[in-house]
Amino acid sequence: MAAGALLAVGLWTPVAGSLIALFGAWYALSLPKHLWSGVLLATVGAALGLIGPGAWSIDARLFGWKRIDVGDRTDT
């Protein structure tokens, strides 16, 4: 519940997403009857952990929103 609360307010998004992914993997492996719900939880948690904070999250306010600008590609 703590990781879900952190995700809801947008604080420590990569850490919270990773914790949710670990919990989802544990849930899938420990309860084979509910395998696919655990796999879904682990996948969503991993995706959130890798994507990182959104534009309006507390993480973005504290640490800045990371943006990658790809310049024009010139062949020489």
N, C-alpha and C. Protein backbone atom coordinates (compact mmCIF):
# COMPACT_ATOMS: atom_id res chain seq x y z
N MET A 1 0.82 -1.19 0.00
CA MET A 1 0.00 0.00 0.00
C MET A 1 0.86 1.25 0.00
N ALA A 2 2.02 1.18 0.63
CA ALA A 2 2.89 2.34 0.69
C ALA A 2 3.42 2.69 -0.71
N ALA A 3 3.80 1.67 -1.48
CA ALA A 3 4.29 1.93 -2.84
C ALA A 3 3.19 2.50 -3.71
N GLY A 4 1.96 2.02 -3.55
CA GLY A 4 0.83 2.57 -4.29
C GLY A 4 0.55 4.01 -3.92
N ALA A 5 0.69 4.34 -2.64
CA ALA A 5 0.50 5.72 -2.21
C ALA A 5 1.59 6.62 -2.78
N LEU A 6 2.82 6.14 -2.82
CA LEU A 6 3.90 6.94 -3.41
C LEU A 6 3.65 7.17 -4.89
N LEU A 7 3.15 6.17 -5.58
CA LEU A 7 2.84 6.34 -7.00
C LEU A 7 1.68 7.31 -7.20
N ALA A 8 0.71 7.28 -6.31
CA ALA A 8 -0.46 8.15 -6.44
C ALA A 8 -0.08 9.62 -6.32
N VAL A 9 0.86 9.94 -5.44
CA VAL A 9 1.27 11.33 -5.28
C VAL A 9 2.46 11.69 -6.17
N GLY A 10 3.06 10.70 -6.80
CA GLY A 10 4.17 10.98 -7.71
C GLY A 10 5.48 11.22 -7.01
N LEU A 11 5.73 10.52 -5.94
CA LEU A 11 6.97 10.68 -5.20
C LEU A 11 7.75 9.37 -5.25
N TRP A 12 9.02 9.46 -5.59
CA TRP A 12 9.91 8.29 -5.70
C TRP A 12 9.33 7.28 -6.68
N THR A 13 8.95 7.76 -7.83
CA THR A 13 8.28 6.92 -8.83
C THR A 13 9.10 5.69 -9.24
N PRO A 14 10.39 5.83 -9.56
CA PRO A 14 11.15 4.63 -9.96
C PRO A 14 11.26 3.60 -8.83
N VAL A 15 11.42 4.06 -7.61
CA VAL A 15 11.54 3.15 -6.47
C VAL A 15 10.20 2.46 -6.22
N ALA A 16 9.12 3.24 -6.22
CA ALA A 16 7.79 2.67 -5.98
C ALA A 16 7.40 1.69 -7.09
N GLY A 17 7.69 2.03 -8.33
CA GLY A 17 7.40 1.12 -9.44
C GLY A 17 8.17 -0.18 -9.33
N SER A 18 9.42 -0.08 -8.91
CA SER A 18 10.24 -1.28 -8.75
C SER A 18 9.71 -2.16 -7.62
N LEU A 19 9.28 -1.53 -6.52
CA LEU A 19 8.71 -2.30 -5.42
C LEU A 19 7.42 -3.01 -5.84
N ILE A 20 6.60 -2.33 -6.61
CA ILE A 20 5.37 -2.94 -7.10
C ILE A 20 5.68 -4.09 -8.06
N ALA A 21 6.70 -3.93 -8.89
CA ALA A 21 7.10 -5.01 -9.80
C ALA A 21 7.58 -6.23 -9.02
N LEU A 22 8.36 -6.00 -7.98
CA LEU A 22 8.83 -7.12 -7.15
C LEU A 22 7.66 -7.80 -6.44
N PHE A 23 6.73 -7.01 -5.92
CA PHE A 23 5.57 -7.59 -5.25
C PHE A 23 4.72 -8.39 -6.25
N GLY A 24 4.56 -7.86 -7.46
CA GLY A 24 3.79 -8.57 -8.47
C GLY A 24 4.44 -9.90 -8.86
N ALA A 25 5.76 -9.90 -8.97
CA ALA A 25 6.47 -11.15 -9.30
C ALA A 25 6.33 -12.15 -8.16
N TRP A 26 6.46 -11.68 -6.93
CA TRP A 26 6.29 -12.57 -5.79
C TRP A 26 4.86 -13.12 -5.73
N TYR A 27 3.90 -12.27 -6.01
CA TYR A 27 2.49 -12.67 -6.01
C TYR A 27 2.23 -13.73 -7.08
N ALA A 28 2.79 -13.54 -8.25
CA ALA A 28 2.60 -14.49 -9.34
C ALA A 28 3.24 -15.84 -9.03
N LEU A 29 4.40 -15.82 -8.39
CA LEU A 29 5.10 -17.07 -8.10
C LEU A 29 4.53 -17.79 -6.88
N SER A 30 4.05 -17.06 -5.91
CA SER A 30 3.57 -17.70 -4.69
C SER A 30 2.12 -18.18 -4.79
N LEU A 31 1.33 -17.57 -5.66
CA LEU A 31 -0.07 -17.97 -5.84
C LEU A 31 -0.31 -18.34 -7.30
N PRO A 32 -0.01 -19.56 -7.69
CA PRO A 32 -0.17 -19.93 -9.10
C PRO A 32 -1.61 -19.85 -9.60
N LYS A 33 -2.56 -19.86 -8.68
CA LYS A 33 -3.96 -19.74 -9.09
C LYS A 33 -4.24 -18.35 -9.69
N HIS A 34 -3.51 -17.35 -9.22
CA HIS A 34 -3.68 -15.97 -9.70
C HIS A 34 -2.44 -15.52 -10.46
N LEU A 35 -1.94 -16.36 -11.32
CA LEU A 35 -0.69 -16.09 -12.03
C LEU A 35 -0.78 -14.84 -12.88
N TRP A 36 -1.82 -14.72 -13.69
CA TRP A 36 -1.87 -13.62 -14.65
C TRP A 36 -2.12 -12.27 -14.00
N SER A 37 -2.80 -12.21 -12.88
CA SER A 37 -2.95 -10.92 -12.20
C SER A 37 -1.61 -10.48 -11.61
N GLY A 38 -0.80 -11.42 -11.12
CA GLY A 38 0.53 -11.08 -10.64
C GLY A 38 1.46 -10.64 -11.76
N VAL A 39 1.35 -11.31 -12.91
CA VAL A 39 2.17 -10.93 -14.07
C VAL A 39 1.78 -9.52 -14.54
N LEU A 40 0.49 -9.24 -14.56
CA LEU A 40 0.04 -7.90 -14.95
C LEU A 40 0.54 -6.84 -13.98
N LEU A 41 0.44 -7.11 -12.69
CA LEU A 41 0.92 -6.16 -11.68
C LEU A 41 2.42 -5.93 -11.82
N ALA A 42 3.18 -6.99 -12.03
CA ALA A 42 4.62 -6.87 -12.18
C ALA A 42 4.98 -6.08 -13.44
N THR A 43 4.26 -6.30 -14.51
CA THR A 43 4.53 -5.59 -15.76
C THR A 43 4.23 -4.11 -15.65
N VAL A 44 3.10 -3.78 -15.05
CA VAL A 44 2.74 -2.37 -14.88
C VAL A 44 3.72 -1.68 -13.93
N GLY A 45 4.10 -2.34 -12.86
CA GLY A 45 5.07 -1.76 -11.92
C GLY A 45 6.42 -1.54 -12.57
N ALA A 46 6.88 -2.49 -13.37
CA ALA A 46 8.16 -2.33 -14.07
C ALA A 46 8.10 -1.20 -15.08
N ALA A 47 6.98 -1.09 -15.80
CA ALA A 47 6.84 -0.01 -16.77
C ALA A 47 6.86 1.35 -16.08
N LEU A 48 6.15 1.47 -14.98
CA LEU A 48 6.15 2.74 -14.24
C LEU A 48 7.52 3.05 -13.67
N GLY A 49 8.21 2.02 -13.20
CA GLY A 49 9.55 2.23 -12.67
C GLY A 49 10.54 2.68 -13.73
N LEU A 50 10.39 2.17 -14.95
CA LEU A 50 11.30 2.55 -16.02
C LEU A 50 10.95 3.88 -16.67
N ILE A 51 9.66 4.20 -16.73
CA ILE A 51 9.25 5.46 -17.35
C ILE A 51 9.62 6.64 -16.46
N GLY A 52 9.42 6.51 -15.17
CA GLY A 52 9.77 7.57 -14.25
C GLY A 52 8.63 8.54 -14.00
N PRO A 53 8.93 9.67 -13.40
CA PRO A 53 7.89 10.61 -12.99
C PRO A 53 7.26 11.33 -14.17
N GLY A 54 6.02 11.71 -13.98
CA GLY A 54 5.32 12.49 -14.99
C GLY A 54 5.61 13.97 -14.85
N ALA A 55 5.06 14.77 -15.72
CA ALA A 55 5.34 16.21 -15.74
C ALA A 55 4.79 16.92 -14.51
N TRP A 56 3.70 16.43 -13.94
CA TRP A 56 3.06 17.11 -12.82
C TRP A 56 3.25 16.38 -11.50
N SER A 57 4.28 15.58 -11.37
CA SER A 57 4.51 14.84 -10.14
C SER A 57 5.41 15.62 -9.19
N ILE A 58 5.45 15.16 -7.95
CA ILE A 58 6.33 15.80 -6.97
C ILE A 58 7.79 15.56 -7.35
N ASP A 59 8.11 14.39 -7.90
CA ASP A 59 9.48 14.12 -8.36
C ASP A 59 9.91 15.15 -9.41
N ALA A 60 9.02 15.48 -10.32
CA ALA A 60 9.37 16.45 -11.36
C ALA A 60 9.59 17.84 -10.75
N ARG A 61 8.83 18.17 -9.75
CA ARG A 61 9.01 19.47 -9.07
C ARG A 61 10.32 19.51 -8.30
N LEU A 62 10.68 18.40 -7.66
CA LEU A 62 11.89 18.38 -6.84
C LEU A 62 13.16 18.27 -7.68
N PHE A 63 13.16 17.40 -8.68
CA PHE A 63 14.38 17.09 -9.41
C PHE A 63 14.38 17.55 -10.85
N GLY A 64 13.29 18.08 -11.32
CA GLY A 64 13.21 18.52 -12.71
C GLY A 64 12.74 17.40 -13.61
N TRP A 65 12.14 17.78 -14.71
CA TRP A 65 11.60 16.82 -15.65
C TRP A 65 12.66 16.57 -16.70
N LYS A 66 13.09 15.34 -16.84
CA LYS A 66 14.15 14.99 -17.79
C LYS A 66 13.59 14.97 -19.20
N ARG A 67 14.31 15.62 -20.10
CA ARG A 67 13.89 15.68 -21.49
C ARG A 67 15.10 15.45 -22.37
N ILE A 68 14.93 14.61 -23.35
CA ILE A 68 16.02 14.31 -24.28
C ILE A 68 15.68 14.94 -25.61
N ASP A 69 16.52 15.84 -26.06
CA ASP A 69 16.32 16.47 -27.37
C ASP A 69 17.26 15.81 -28.38
N VAL A 70 16.67 15.28 -29.40
CA VAL A 70 17.45 14.64 -30.46
C VAL A 70 17.59 15.65 -31.57
N GLY A 71 18.83 16.02 -31.86
CA GLY A 71 19.10 17.02 -32.89
C GLY A 71 18.97 16.44 -34.28
N ASP A 72 19.10 17.31 -35.27
CA ASP A 72 19.07 16.86 -36.65
C ASP A 72 20.26 15.97 -36.93
N ARG A 73 20.02 14.96 -37.68
CA ARG A 73 21.08 14.01 -38.03
C ARG A 73 21.64 14.40 -39.38
N THR A 74 22.91 14.68 -39.41
CA THR A 74 23.56 15.04 -40.67
C THR A 74 24.58 13.96 -41.01
N ASP A 75 24.56 13.56 -42.25
CA ASP A 75 25.52 12.56 -42.72
C ASP A 75 26.74 13.29 -43.28
N THR A 76 27.91 12.83 -42.88
CA THR A 76 29.15 13.45 -43.41
C THR A 76 29.93 12.47 -44.22
